[in-house]
Amino acid sequence: MSADDATDRIVHNDEQTPYVESTIIMTTVRVVVPFILTLGLFVMFHGADSAGGGFQGGAIAGTVVLLLAFAFGIGPVRDWLNPAVVLGLVVVGVGTFLAVALGSMLLGGEFLQYSAYPVYHASKYGIELVELGIGAVVAGIITGLFFLIAAGFETGEPMEDEP
């Protein structure tokens, strides 16, 4: 392979570091991502009955975006995933939690008192909704922090060792 062939395979991302496409990694990620997302959702739903929960499931689901970014490049995944969607995920998660928590107070119960809801197995459904809300918040924050850190920081102030 000549030097020109190697240069053609390098895609520069955000003018910071070179990104080398790997067919093996890209194919593996395409195959594995649905299973990881399913595992994240399973852990979120399983948290109401045993070990697991919204935080753990949200962390697993959030890593799906990180895996895609490592396989296909941070820039293309950032362009594909609208920041409003990530923010919307966090807002929907917080809204779900607050709706369940404050809804019980509107029905005459206490904060997160599931028995205030006139639904059969209200505590089971309430816990599941709260776990999904927490999972959405965690997945959105992990994704958002990843893209924020990947973009780098520039404060405009000189560092201590700079003149």
N, C-alpha and C. Protein backbone atom coordinates (compact mmCIF):
# COMPACT_ATOMS: atom_id res chain seq x y z
N MET A 1 0.85 -1.15 0.00
CA MET A 1 0.00 0.00 0.00
C MET A 1 0.90 1.23 0.00
N SER A 2 0.59 2.17 -0.84
CA SER A 2 1.40 3.38 -0.93
C SER A 2 0.95 4.40 0.12
N ALA A 3 1.75 5.44 0.27
CA ALA A 3 1.44 6.49 1.25
C ALA A 3 0.16 7.23 0.86
N ASP A 4 -0.10 7.36 -0.45
CA ASP A 4 -1.32 8.04 -0.90
C ASP A 4 -2.56 7.26 -0.53
N ASP A 5 -2.49 5.90 -0.62
CA ASP A 5 -3.63 5.07 -0.24
C ASP A 5 -3.94 5.23 1.24
N ALA A 6 -2.92 5.27 2.08
CA ALA A 6 -3.12 5.43 3.51
C ALA A 6 -3.72 6.80 3.82
N THR A 7 -3.30 7.81 3.11
CA THR A 7 -3.81 9.15 3.34
C THR A 7 -5.28 9.26 2.94
N ASP A 8 -5.69 8.55 1.90
CA ASP A 8 -7.08 8.58 1.44
C ASP A 8 -8.01 7.95 2.47
N ARG A 9 -7.53 7.08 3.33
CA ARG A 9 -8.37 6.39 4.30
C ARG A 9 -8.52 7.19 5.58
N ILE A 10 -7.81 8.27 5.72
CA ILE A 10 -7.89 9.08 6.92
C ILE A 10 -8.87 10.22 6.68
N VAL A 11 -9.84 10.33 7.58
CA VAL A 11 -10.82 11.39 7.51
C VAL A 11 -10.54 12.32 8.69
N HIS A 12 -10.35 13.60 8.41
CA HIS A 12 -10.05 14.53 9.49
C HIS A 12 -11.34 15.05 10.09
N ASN A 13 -11.42 14.91 11.39
CA ASN A 13 -12.61 15.27 12.13
C ASN A 13 -12.34 16.50 12.98
N ASP A 14 -13.06 17.58 12.77
CA ASP A 14 -12.94 18.79 13.57
C ASP A 14 -11.52 19.34 13.58
N GLU A 15 -10.72 19.02 12.62
CA GLU A 15 -9.36 19.51 12.46
C GLU A 15 -8.51 19.27 13.70
N GLN A 16 -8.81 18.26 14.51
CA GLN A 16 -8.05 18.00 15.72
C GLN A 16 -7.22 16.73 15.60
N THR A 17 -7.88 15.63 15.41
CA THR A 17 -7.18 14.35 15.33
C THR A 17 -7.68 13.58 14.13
N PRO A 18 -6.83 12.77 13.52
CA PRO A 18 -7.29 11.98 12.38
C PRO A 18 -8.19 10.83 12.83
N TYR A 19 -9.13 10.52 11.99
CA TYR A 19 -10.03 9.40 12.24
C TYR A 19 -9.81 8.38 11.13
N VAL A 20 -9.51 7.16 11.51
CA VAL A 20 -9.27 6.11 10.54
C VAL A 20 -10.48 5.18 10.53
N GLU A 21 -11.11 5.07 9.36
CA GLU A 21 -12.26 4.18 9.24
C GLU A 21 -11.82 2.73 9.33
N SER A 22 -12.59 1.93 10.05
CA SER A 22 -12.33 0.51 10.16
C SER A 22 -13.62 -0.24 9.87
N THR A 23 -13.61 -1.00 8.82
CA THR A 23 -14.80 -1.76 8.42
C THR A 23 -15.20 -2.74 9.51
N ILE A 24 -14.23 -3.32 10.18
CA ILE A 24 -14.53 -4.30 11.23
C ILE A 24 -15.24 -3.63 12.39
N ILE A 25 -14.72 -2.48 12.84
CA ILE A 25 -15.35 -1.79 13.96
C ILE A 25 -16.73 -1.29 13.58
N MET A 26 -16.86 -0.72 12.39
CA MET A 26 -18.15 -0.18 11.97
C MET A 26 -19.20 -1.29 11.86
N THR A 27 -18.83 -2.43 11.32
CA THR A 27 -19.76 -3.55 11.19
C THR A 27 -20.13 -4.11 12.55
N THR A 28 -19.14 -4.24 13.43
CA THR A 28 -19.39 -4.76 14.78
C THR A 28 -20.34 -3.84 15.53
N VAL A 29 -20.14 -2.54 15.42
CA VAL A 29 -21.01 -1.60 16.11
C VAL A 29 -22.42 -1.68 15.57
N ARG A 30 -22.57 -1.81 14.25
CA ARG A 30 -23.91 -1.93 13.66
C ARG A 30 -24.64 -3.15 14.19
N VAL A 31 -23.92 -4.23 14.45
CA VAL A 31 -24.53 -5.46 14.93
C VAL A 31 -24.82 -5.38 16.43
N VAL A 32 -23.91 -4.80 17.20
CA VAL A 32 -23.98 -4.83 18.66
C VAL A 32 -24.90 -3.77 19.24
N VAL A 33 -25.01 -2.61 18.60
CA VAL A 33 -25.77 -1.49 19.15
C VAL A 33 -27.22 -1.84 19.49
N PRO A 34 -27.98 -2.53 18.66
CA PRO A 34 -29.36 -2.85 19.06
C PRO A 34 -29.43 -3.71 20.32
N PHE A 35 -28.47 -4.61 20.48
CA PHE A 35 -28.46 -5.46 21.67
C PHE A 35 -28.10 -4.66 22.92
N ILE A 36 -27.18 -3.72 22.80
CA ILE A 36 -26.81 -2.89 23.95
C ILE A 36 -27.97 -2.00 24.35
N LEU A 37 -28.66 -1.42 23.37
CA LEU A 37 -29.83 -0.59 23.67
C LEU A 37 -30.93 -1.42 24.33
N THR A 38 -31.13 -2.63 23.85
CA THR A 38 -32.12 -3.52 24.46
C THR A 38 -31.73 -3.87 25.89
N LEU A 39 -30.44 -4.11 26.13
CA LEU A 39 -29.97 -4.39 27.49
C LEU A 39 -30.21 -3.20 28.39
N GLY A 40 -29.95 -1.99 27.89
CA GLY A 40 -30.20 -0.79 28.69
C GLY A 40 -31.66 -0.67 29.08
N LEU A 41 -32.56 -0.90 28.13
CA LEU A 41 -33.99 -0.83 28.43
C LEU A 41 -34.41 -1.95 29.39
N PHE A 42 -33.83 -3.14 29.24
CA PHE A 42 -34.13 -4.25 30.14
C PHE A 42 -33.71 -3.90 31.57
N VAL A 43 -32.52 -3.32 31.72
CA VAL A 43 -32.04 -2.96 33.06
C VAL A 43 -32.93 -1.89 33.66
N MET A 44 -33.41 -0.94 32.84
CA MET A 44 -34.33 0.09 33.35
C MET A 44 -35.62 -0.54 33.87
N PHE A 45 -36.21 -1.43 33.09
CA PHE A 45 -37.47 -2.06 33.50
C PHE A 45 -37.27 -3.06 34.62
N HIS A 46 -36.13 -3.71 34.66
CA HIS A 46 -35.86 -4.74 35.66
C HIS A 46 -35.60 -4.12 37.03
N GLY A 47 -35.29 -2.84 37.07
CA GLY A 47 -34.94 -2.17 38.31
C GLY A 47 -36.07 -2.11 39.32
N ALA A 48 -37.31 -2.22 38.88
CA ALA A 48 -38.43 -2.16 39.80
C ALA A 48 -38.55 -3.43 40.63
N ASP A 49 -38.05 -4.54 40.13
CA ASP A 49 -38.21 -5.82 40.82
C ASP A 49 -36.93 -6.32 41.48
N SER A 50 -35.78 -5.96 40.94
CA SER A 50 -34.51 -6.43 41.51
C SER A 50 -33.39 -5.45 41.14
N ALA A 51 -32.17 -5.93 41.15
CA ALA A 51 -31.02 -5.06 40.89
C ALA A 51 -31.12 -4.42 39.51
N GLY A 52 -30.70 -3.20 39.43
CA GLY A 52 -30.77 -2.45 38.19
C GLY A 52 -31.59 -1.21 38.42
N GLY A 53 -31.88 -0.51 37.39
CA GLY A 53 -32.70 0.68 37.54
C GLY A 53 -32.43 1.70 36.47
N GLY A 54 -33.02 2.86 36.67
CA GLY A 54 -32.95 3.92 35.69
C GLY A 54 -31.55 4.44 35.46
N PHE A 55 -30.77 4.61 36.53
CA PHE A 55 -29.43 5.15 36.37
C PHE A 55 -28.55 4.18 35.58
N GLN A 56 -28.55 2.92 35.98
CA GLN A 56 -27.72 1.93 35.30
C GLN A 56 -28.17 1.72 33.86
N GLY A 57 -29.47 1.61 33.65
CA GLY A 57 -29.99 1.43 32.30
C GLY A 57 -29.75 2.64 31.42
N GLY A 58 -29.86 3.83 32.00
CA GLY A 58 -29.59 5.05 31.24
C GLY A 58 -28.13 5.16 30.86
N ALA A 59 -27.25 4.72 31.76
CA ALA A 59 -25.81 4.74 31.44
C ALA A 59 -25.51 3.78 30.31
N ILE A 60 -26.12 2.62 30.32
CA ILE A 60 -25.90 1.64 29.24
C ILE A 60 -26.47 2.18 27.93
N ALA A 61 -27.67 2.74 27.97
CA ALA A 61 -28.28 3.27 26.75
C ALA A 61 -27.50 4.48 26.23
N GLY A 62 -26.98 5.31 27.11
CA GLY A 62 -26.20 6.46 26.69
C GLY A 62 -24.90 6.10 26.01
N THR A 63 -24.33 4.97 26.40
CA THR A 63 -23.07 4.55 25.78
C THR A 63 -23.26 4.10 24.34
N VAL A 64 -24.49 3.87 23.92
CA VAL A 64 -24.75 3.51 22.53
C VAL A 64 -24.30 4.64 21.61
N VAL A 65 -24.60 5.87 21.98
CA VAL A 65 -24.19 7.02 21.16
C VAL A 65 -22.67 7.14 21.16
N LEU A 66 -22.04 6.90 22.31
CA LEU A 66 -20.58 6.95 22.38
C LEU A 66 -19.96 5.89 21.48
N LEU A 67 -20.54 4.72 21.47
CA LEU A 67 -20.05 3.63 20.62
C LEU A 67 -20.18 4.00 19.15
N LEU A 68 -21.30 4.60 18.78
CA LEU A 68 -21.48 5.05 17.39
C LEU A 68 -20.45 6.11 17.04
N ALA A 69 -20.17 7.02 17.97
CA ALA A 69 -19.19 8.08 17.71
C ALA A 69 -17.79 7.52 17.54
N PHE A 70 -17.45 6.51 18.31
CA PHE A 70 -16.12 5.90 18.17
C PHE A 70 -15.99 5.14 16.86
N ALA A 71 -17.09 4.56 16.39
CA ALA A 71 -17.04 3.77 15.16
C ALA A 71 -17.12 4.64 13.91
N PHE A 72 -17.98 5.64 13.92
CA PHE A 72 -18.23 6.42 12.71
C PHE A 72 -17.67 7.83 12.76
N GLY A 73 -17.10 8.22 13.87
CA GLY A 73 -16.51 9.55 14.01
C GLY A 73 -17.43 10.45 14.82
N ILE A 74 -16.82 11.29 15.63
CA ILE A 74 -17.59 12.18 16.51
C ILE A 74 -18.36 13.21 15.69
N GLY A 75 -17.72 13.80 14.69
CA GLY A 75 -18.37 14.83 13.87
C GLY A 75 -19.63 14.35 13.18
N PRO A 76 -19.57 13.23 12.45
CA PRO A 76 -20.79 12.75 11.78
C PRO A 76 -21.92 12.39 12.74
N VAL A 77 -21.57 11.81 13.89
CA VAL A 77 -22.62 11.45 14.85
C VAL A 77 -23.20 12.71 15.48
N ARG A 78 -22.35 13.71 15.75
CA ARG A 78 -22.83 14.98 16.29
C ARG A 78 -23.76 15.66 15.28
N ASP A 79 -23.40 15.59 13.99
CA ASP A 79 -24.25 16.19 12.96
C ASP A 79 -25.56 15.43 12.80
N TRP A 80 -25.50 14.11 12.97
CA TRP A 80 -26.69 13.26 12.82
C TRP A 80 -27.64 13.44 14.00
N LEU A 81 -27.09 13.58 15.20
CA LEU A 81 -27.91 13.68 16.40
C LEU A 81 -28.06 15.15 16.79
N ASN A 82 -29.21 15.67 16.59
CA ASN A 82 -29.50 17.07 16.87
C ASN A 82 -29.39 17.33 18.37
N PRO A 83 -28.69 18.39 18.79
CA PRO A 83 -28.60 18.71 20.22
C PRO A 83 -29.97 18.92 20.88
N ALA A 84 -30.94 19.36 20.10
CA ALA A 84 -32.28 19.55 20.65
C ALA A 84 -32.89 18.21 21.05
N VAL A 85 -32.53 17.14 20.35
CA VAL A 85 -33.04 15.81 20.70
C VAL A 85 -32.46 15.37 22.04
N VAL A 86 -31.17 15.61 22.25
CA VAL A 86 -30.53 15.24 23.51
C VAL A 86 -31.14 16.04 24.65
N LEU A 87 -31.31 17.35 24.45
CA LEU A 87 -31.93 18.19 25.46
C LEU A 87 -33.38 17.77 25.70
N GLY A 88 -34.07 17.43 24.62
CA GLY A 88 -35.45 16.96 24.74
C GLY A 88 -35.55 15.67 25.54
N LEU A 89 -34.57 14.79 25.39
CA LEU A 89 -34.55 13.54 26.15
C LEU A 89 -34.45 13.83 27.64
N VAL A 90 -33.60 14.77 28.01
CA VAL A 90 -33.45 15.14 29.42
C VAL A 90 -34.73 15.79 29.93
N VAL A 91 -35.31 16.68 29.15
CA VAL A 91 -36.54 17.38 29.57
C VAL A 91 -37.69 16.40 29.73
N VAL A 92 -37.83 15.45 28.80
CA VAL A 92 -38.90 14.45 28.89
C VAL A 92 -38.69 13.57 30.12
N GLY A 93 -37.44 13.22 30.41
CA GLY A 93 -37.14 12.41 31.59
C GLY A 93 -37.51 13.12 32.87
N VAL A 94 -37.10 14.38 33.00
CA VAL A 94 -37.43 15.15 34.20
C VAL A 94 -38.94 15.36 34.27
N GLY A 95 -39.57 15.63 33.14
CA GLY A 95 -41.02 15.82 33.11
C GLY A 95 -41.78 14.57 33.53
N THR A 96 -41.31 13.42 33.09
CA THR A 96 -41.96 12.16 33.47
C THR A 96 -41.86 11.94 34.97
N PHE A 97 -40.67 12.16 35.51
CA PHE A 97 -40.48 11.99 36.95
C PHE A 97 -41.39 12.95 37.73
N LEU A 98 -41.39 14.21 37.33
CA LEU A 98 -42.20 15.19 38.05
C LEU A 98 -43.70 14.93 37.88
N ALA A 99 -44.11 14.47 36.71
CA ALA A 99 -45.54 14.18 36.49
C ALA A 99 -46.01 13.07 37.41
N VAL A 100 -45.20 12.02 37.55
CA VAL A 100 -45.58 10.92 38.43
C VAL A 100 -45.54 11.37 39.89
N ALA A 101 -44.48 12.11 40.24
CA ALA A 101 -44.30 12.53 41.63
C ALA A 101 -45.35 13.54 42.07
N LEU A 102 -45.56 14.55 41.26
CA LEU A 102 -46.51 15.60 41.63
C LEU A 102 -47.96 15.21 41.35
N GLY A 103 -48.15 14.28 40.41
CA GLY A 103 -49.51 13.80 40.12
C GLY A 103 -50.14 13.14 41.33
N SER A 104 -49.34 12.43 42.10
CA SER A 104 -49.88 11.80 43.30
C SER A 104 -50.30 12.85 44.33
N MET A 105 -49.59 13.98 44.38
CA MET A 105 -49.97 15.06 45.30
C MET A 105 -51.28 15.72 44.86
N LEU A 106 -51.47 15.84 43.55
CA LEU A 106 -52.72 16.41 43.04
C LEU A 106 -53.92 15.52 43.36
N LEU A 107 -53.66 14.23 43.51
CA LEU A 107 -54.74 13.30 43.82
C LEU A 107 -54.92 13.10 45.33
N GLY A 108 -54.25 13.93 46.14
CA GLY A 108 -54.45 13.86 47.58
C GLY A 108 -53.42 13.03 48.33
N GLY A 109 -52.44 12.50 47.63
CA GLY A 109 -51.41 11.71 48.29
C GLY A 109 -50.18 12.54 48.58
N GLU A 110 -49.11 11.86 48.92
CA GLU A 110 -47.83 12.53 49.17
C GLU A 110 -46.95 12.41 47.93
N PHE A 111 -45.80 13.08 47.98
CA PHE A 111 -44.83 13.06 46.88
C PHE A 111 -44.43 11.61 46.59
N LEU A 112 -44.61 11.15 45.35
CA LEU A 112 -44.31 9.79 44.89
C LEU A 112 -45.09 8.71 45.64
N GLN A 113 -46.29 9.03 46.08
CA GLN A 113 -47.14 8.02 46.71
C GLN A 113 -48.00 7.39 45.62
N TYR A 114 -47.54 6.26 45.14
CA TYR A 114 -48.18 5.62 43.99
C TYR A 114 -49.60 5.15 44.29
N SER A 115 -49.87 4.81 45.54
CA SER A 115 -51.20 4.30 45.88
C SER A 115 -52.28 5.38 45.73
N ALA A 116 -51.90 6.64 45.56
CA ALA A 116 -52.89 7.70 45.35
C ALA A 116 -53.53 7.60 43.97
N TYR A 117 -52.88 6.92 43.06
CA TYR A 117 -53.42 6.78 41.71
C TYR A 117 -54.50 5.70 41.69
N PRO A 118 -55.64 5.98 41.05
CA PRO A 118 -56.72 4.99 41.00
C PRO A 118 -56.50 3.96 39.88
N VAL A 119 -55.35 3.32 39.91
CA VAL A 119 -55.00 2.35 38.87
C VAL A 119 -54.57 1.06 39.56
N TYR A 120 -54.98 -0.06 39.01
CA TYR A 120 -54.56 -1.36 39.54
C TYR A 120 -53.05 -1.51 39.35
N HIS A 121 -52.33 -1.88 40.37
CA HIS A 121 -50.86 -1.99 40.39
C HIS A 121 -50.20 -0.65 40.08
N ALA A 122 -50.73 0.41 40.69
CA ALA A 122 -50.21 1.76 40.43
C ALA A 122 -48.75 1.88 40.81
N SER A 123 -48.33 1.20 41.89
CA SER A 123 -46.93 1.32 42.31
C SER A 123 -45.99 0.70 41.27
N LYS A 124 -46.41 -0.41 40.67
CA LYS A 124 -45.58 -1.04 39.65
C LYS A 124 -45.41 -0.12 38.44
N TYR A 125 -46.51 0.42 37.95
CA TYR A 125 -46.44 1.30 36.78
C TYR A 125 -45.76 2.62 37.11
N GLY A 126 -46.00 3.14 38.30
CA GLY A 126 -45.36 4.38 38.70
C GLY A 126 -43.85 4.24 38.80
N ILE A 127 -43.40 3.15 39.39
CA ILE A 127 -41.96 2.91 39.51
C ILE A 127 -41.34 2.75 38.13
N GLU A 128 -42.01 2.05 37.23
CA GLU A 128 -41.49 1.87 35.88
C GLU A 128 -41.36 3.22 35.15
N LEU A 129 -42.36 4.08 35.30
CA LEU A 129 -42.29 5.40 34.65
C LEU A 129 -41.16 6.25 35.25
N VAL A 130 -41.00 6.19 36.57
CA VAL A 130 -39.93 6.93 37.21
C VAL A 130 -38.57 6.41 36.74
N GLU A 131 -38.42 5.09 36.65
CA GLU A 131 -37.16 4.50 36.19
C GLU A 131 -36.86 4.91 34.75
N LEU A 132 -37.88 4.92 33.90
CA LEU A 132 -37.69 5.36 32.51
C LEU A 132 -37.30 6.84 32.45
N GLY A 133 -37.91 7.65 33.29
CA GLY A 133 -37.57 9.07 33.33
C GLY A 133 -36.13 9.29 33.77
N ILE A 134 -35.71 8.58 34.81
CA ILE A 134 -34.33 8.70 35.28
C ILE A 134 -33.37 8.19 34.21
N GLY A 135 -33.72 7.10 33.56
CA GLY A 135 -32.87 6.57 32.48
C GLY A 135 -32.72 7.55 31.33
N ALA A 136 -33.80 8.23 30.97
CA ALA A 136 -33.73 9.22 29.90
C ALA A 136 -32.83 10.39 30.29
N VAL A 137 -32.92 10.83 31.54
CA VAL A 137 -32.08 11.93 32.00
C VAL A 137 -30.61 11.52 31.97
N VAL A 138 -30.30 10.34 32.49
CA VAL A 138 -28.90 9.88 32.53
C VAL A 138 -28.35 9.70 31.12
N ALA A 139 -29.12 9.07 30.23
CA ALA A 139 -28.65 8.86 28.86
C ALA A 139 -28.42 10.20 28.16
N GLY A 140 -29.30 11.15 28.36
CA GLY A 140 -29.14 12.46 27.74
C GLY A 140 -27.94 13.22 28.28
N ILE A 141 -27.71 13.13 29.58
CA ILE A 141 -26.58 13.83 30.17
C ILE A 141 -25.27 13.20 29.74
N ILE A 142 -25.20 11.88 29.71
CA ILE A 142 -23.97 11.21 29.26
C ILE A 142 -23.65 11.60 27.82
N THR A 143 -24.66 11.58 26.97
CA THR A 143 -24.46 11.95 25.57
C THR A 143 -24.03 13.41 25.43
N GLY A 144 -24.73 14.28 26.14
CA GLY A 144 -24.40 15.70 26.07
C GLY A 144 -23.00 16.00 26.59
N LEU A 145 -22.63 15.40 27.71
CA LEU A 145 -21.29 15.61 28.25
C LEU A 145 -20.21 15.08 27.31
N PHE A 146 -20.49 13.96 26.68
CA PHE A 146 -19.51 13.40 25.74
C PHE A 146 -19.24 14.37 24.60
N PHE A 147 -20.30 14.91 24.00
CA PHE A 147 -20.11 15.84 22.89
C PHE A 147 -19.49 17.15 23.36
N LEU A 148 -19.82 17.58 24.57
CA LEU A 148 -19.22 18.80 25.10
C LEU A 148 -17.72 18.62 25.32
N ILE A 149 -17.34 17.51 25.90
CA ILE A 149 -15.91 17.24 26.14
C ILE A 149 -15.19 17.01 24.82
N ALA A 150 -15.84 16.33 23.88
CA ALA A 150 -15.20 16.07 22.58
C ALA A 150 -14.96 17.36 21.81
N ALA A 151 -15.80 18.37 22.02
CA ALA A 151 -15.64 19.65 21.33
C ALA A 151 -14.45 20.42 21.86
N GLY A 152 -14.04 20.14 23.09
CA GLY A 152 -12.91 20.85 23.68
C GLY A 152 -13.37 22.11 24.37
N PHE A 153 -12.47 22.67 25.12
CA PHE A 153 -12.79 23.87 25.89
C PHE A 153 -11.86 24.99 25.49
N GLU A 154 -12.42 26.18 25.37
CA GLU A 154 -11.62 27.34 25.06
C GLU A 154 -12.21 28.50 25.84
N THR A 155 -11.53 28.90 26.91
CA THR A 155 -12.06 29.94 27.77
C THR A 155 -11.69 31.34 27.31
N GLY A 156 -10.65 31.50 26.52
CA GLY A 156 -10.23 32.80 26.08
C GLY A 156 -9.25 33.45 27.04
N GLU A 157 -9.09 32.84 28.21
CA GLU A 157 -8.13 33.36 29.18
C GLU A 157 -6.82 32.59 29.05
N PRO A 158 -5.68 33.26 29.20
CA PRO A 158 -4.41 32.53 29.13
C PRO A 158 -4.24 31.61 30.33
N MET A 159 -3.62 30.46 30.09
CA MET A 159 -3.37 29.52 31.18
C MET A 159 -2.24 30.07 32.04
N GLU A 160 -2.05 29.49 33.21
CA GLU A 160 -1.06 29.99 34.15
C GLU A 160 0.36 29.99 33.59
N ASP A 161 0.71 28.97 32.80
CA ASP A 161 2.06 28.89 32.28
C ASP A 161 2.26 29.69 31.00
N GLU A 162 1.17 30.28 30.46
CA GLU A 162 1.28 31.10 29.25
C GLU A 162 1.54 32.55 29.64
N PRO A 163 2.31 33.30 28.84
CA PRO A 163 2.56 34.72 29.17
C PRO A 163 1.35 35.59 28.93
